[in-house]
Amino acid sequence: MDSQEITTLVGREVYTNNGVYVGEVEDVRLDLDGERVTGLALHRVNEELFDDRVAGARGVMLPYRWVMAVGDVVLVNDAVERLPSAGEDEEVIA
């Protein structure tokens, strides 16, 4: 993915492959050494998915490996719908 493609991600809505709204891409996390995208920083997140885990946070960070397709919207796998309960693995929370 080149730099022009990366900037087009910002502002795109993110949905699961089941059609559930997740949030909107605010920024991307890059591995500059590996020259690749490693995560999507989301804001305007679906509070039903993230419940009290986003209270006071600016948003969430999703691993880019969850991205299935990028077009008019970004599709991610449904792992985001099966996040562990608060207090368990918090890897995706920024």
Protein backbone atom coordinates (compact mmCIF):
# COMPACT_ATOMS: atom_id res chain seq x y z
CA MET A 1 0.00 0.00 0.00
CA ASP A 2 1.57 3.28 -1.06
CA SER A 3 1.34 6.59 0.81
CA GLN A 4 -1.49 7.90 -1.37
CA GLU A 5 -3.56 4.77 -0.66
CA ILE A 6 -2.87 5.09 3.07
CA THR A 7 -4.23 8.64 3.21
CA THR A 8 -7.44 7.52 1.49
CA LEU A 9 -8.18 5.29 4.50
CA VAL A 10 -8.73 8.31 6.76
CA GLY A 11 -12.41 9.14 7.02
CA ARG A 12 -13.64 5.76 5.78
CA GLU A 13 -16.31 4.00 7.80
CA VAL A 14 -15.41 0.57 9.16
CA TYR A 15 -17.87 -2.34 9.23
CA THR A 16 -17.56 -6.00 10.13
CA ASN A 17 -18.15 -8.57 7.43
CA ASN A 18 -21.56 -9.07 9.11
CA GLY A 19 -22.50 -5.44 8.39
CA VAL A 20 -22.05 -4.11 11.94
CA TYR A 21 -20.74 -0.52 12.12
CA VAL A 22 -17.44 -0.37 14.04
CA GLY A 23 -16.22 3.23 13.67
CA GLU A 24 -14.47 5.68 11.38
CA VAL A 25 -10.76 5.68 10.49
CA GLU A 26 -9.09 8.69 12.09
CA ASP A 27 -5.47 7.68 11.54
CA VAL A 28 -3.25 4.73 10.69
CA ARG A 29 -0.43 3.12 12.65
CA LEU A 30 2.65 2.46 10.52
CA ASP A 31 5.70 0.26 10.83
CA LEU A 32 8.18 2.56 9.11
CA ASP A 33 10.98 -0.03 9.06
CA GLY A 34 8.73 -2.63 7.47
CA GLU A 35 6.94 0.00 5.36
CA ARG A 36 3.48 -1.34 6.18
CA VAL A 37 0.27 -0.42 7.95
CA THR A 38 -0.11 -2.22 11.29
CA GLY A 39 -3.29 -0.70 12.70
CA LEU A 40 -6.27 1.56 12.19
CA ALA A 41 -7.06 4.21 14.78
CA LEU A 42 -10.84 4.57 14.93
CA HIS A 43 -13.03 7.29 16.41
CA ARG A 44 -16.81 7.68 16.44
CA VAL A 45 -16.89 4.03 17.49
CA ASN A 46 -19.94 1.87 18.00
CA GLU A 47 -20.36 2.12 21.78
CA GLU A 48 -22.44 -1.07 21.86
CA LEU A 49 -19.41 -3.03 20.63
CA PHE A 50 -16.90 -1.43 22.97
CA ASP A 51 -19.22 -0.63 25.92
CA ASP A 52 -17.43 0.86 28.93
CA ARG A 53 -13.95 0.10 27.54
CA VAL A 54 -13.92 3.34 25.52
CA ALA A 55 -15.08 5.61 28.33
CA GLY A 56 -12.65 8.51 28.41
CA ALA A 57 -10.62 7.15 25.47
CA ARG A 58 -10.28 8.92 22.14
CA GLY A 59 -11.10 5.73 20.26
CA VAL A 60 -9.76 2.26 19.55
CA MET A 61 -6.87 0.78 17.60
CA LEU A 62 -7.70 -2.25 15.46
CA PRO A 63 -4.93 -4.52 14.17
CA TYR A 64 -4.61 -4.13 10.41
CA ARG A 65 -4.50 -7.92 10.06
CA TRP A 66 -8.27 -7.83 10.77
CA VAL A 67 -8.89 -5.84 7.56
CA MET A 68 -10.50 -7.99 4.89
CA ALA A 69 -11.18 -5.40 2.18
CA VAL A 70 -10.90 -1.69 1.48
CA GLY A 71 -13.30 0.03 -0.89
CA ASP A 72 -15.93 2.67 -0.23
CA VAL A 73 -15.81 1.31 3.34
CA VAL A 74 -13.29 -0.80 5.24
CA LEU A 75 -14.42 -4.34 6.04
CA VAL A 76 -12.91 -6.12 9.04
CA ASN A 77 -13.46 -9.66 10.20
CA ASP A 78 -16.04 -10.28 12.87
CA ALA A 79 -13.40 -10.75 15.61
CA VAL A 80 -14.29 -7.23 16.75
CA GLU A 81 -17.80 -8.48 17.55
CA ARG A 82 -16.33 -11.15 19.83
CA LEU A 83 -14.00 -8.96 21.88
CA PRO A 84 -13.36 -10.24 25.38
CA SER A 85 -15.23 -8.65 28.25
CA ALA A 86 -13.71 -5.63 29.97
CA GLY A 87 -10.80 -6.68 32.13
CA GLU A 88 -9.68 -9.45 29.77
CA ASP A 89 -7.34 -9.01 26.78
CA GLU A 90 -7.41 -5.27 25.93
CA GLU A 91 -5.07 -5.46 22.90
CA VAL A 92 -7.31 -3.45 20.58
CA ILE A 93 -8.00 -0.54 22.92
CA ALA A 94 -5.90 2.57 22.23
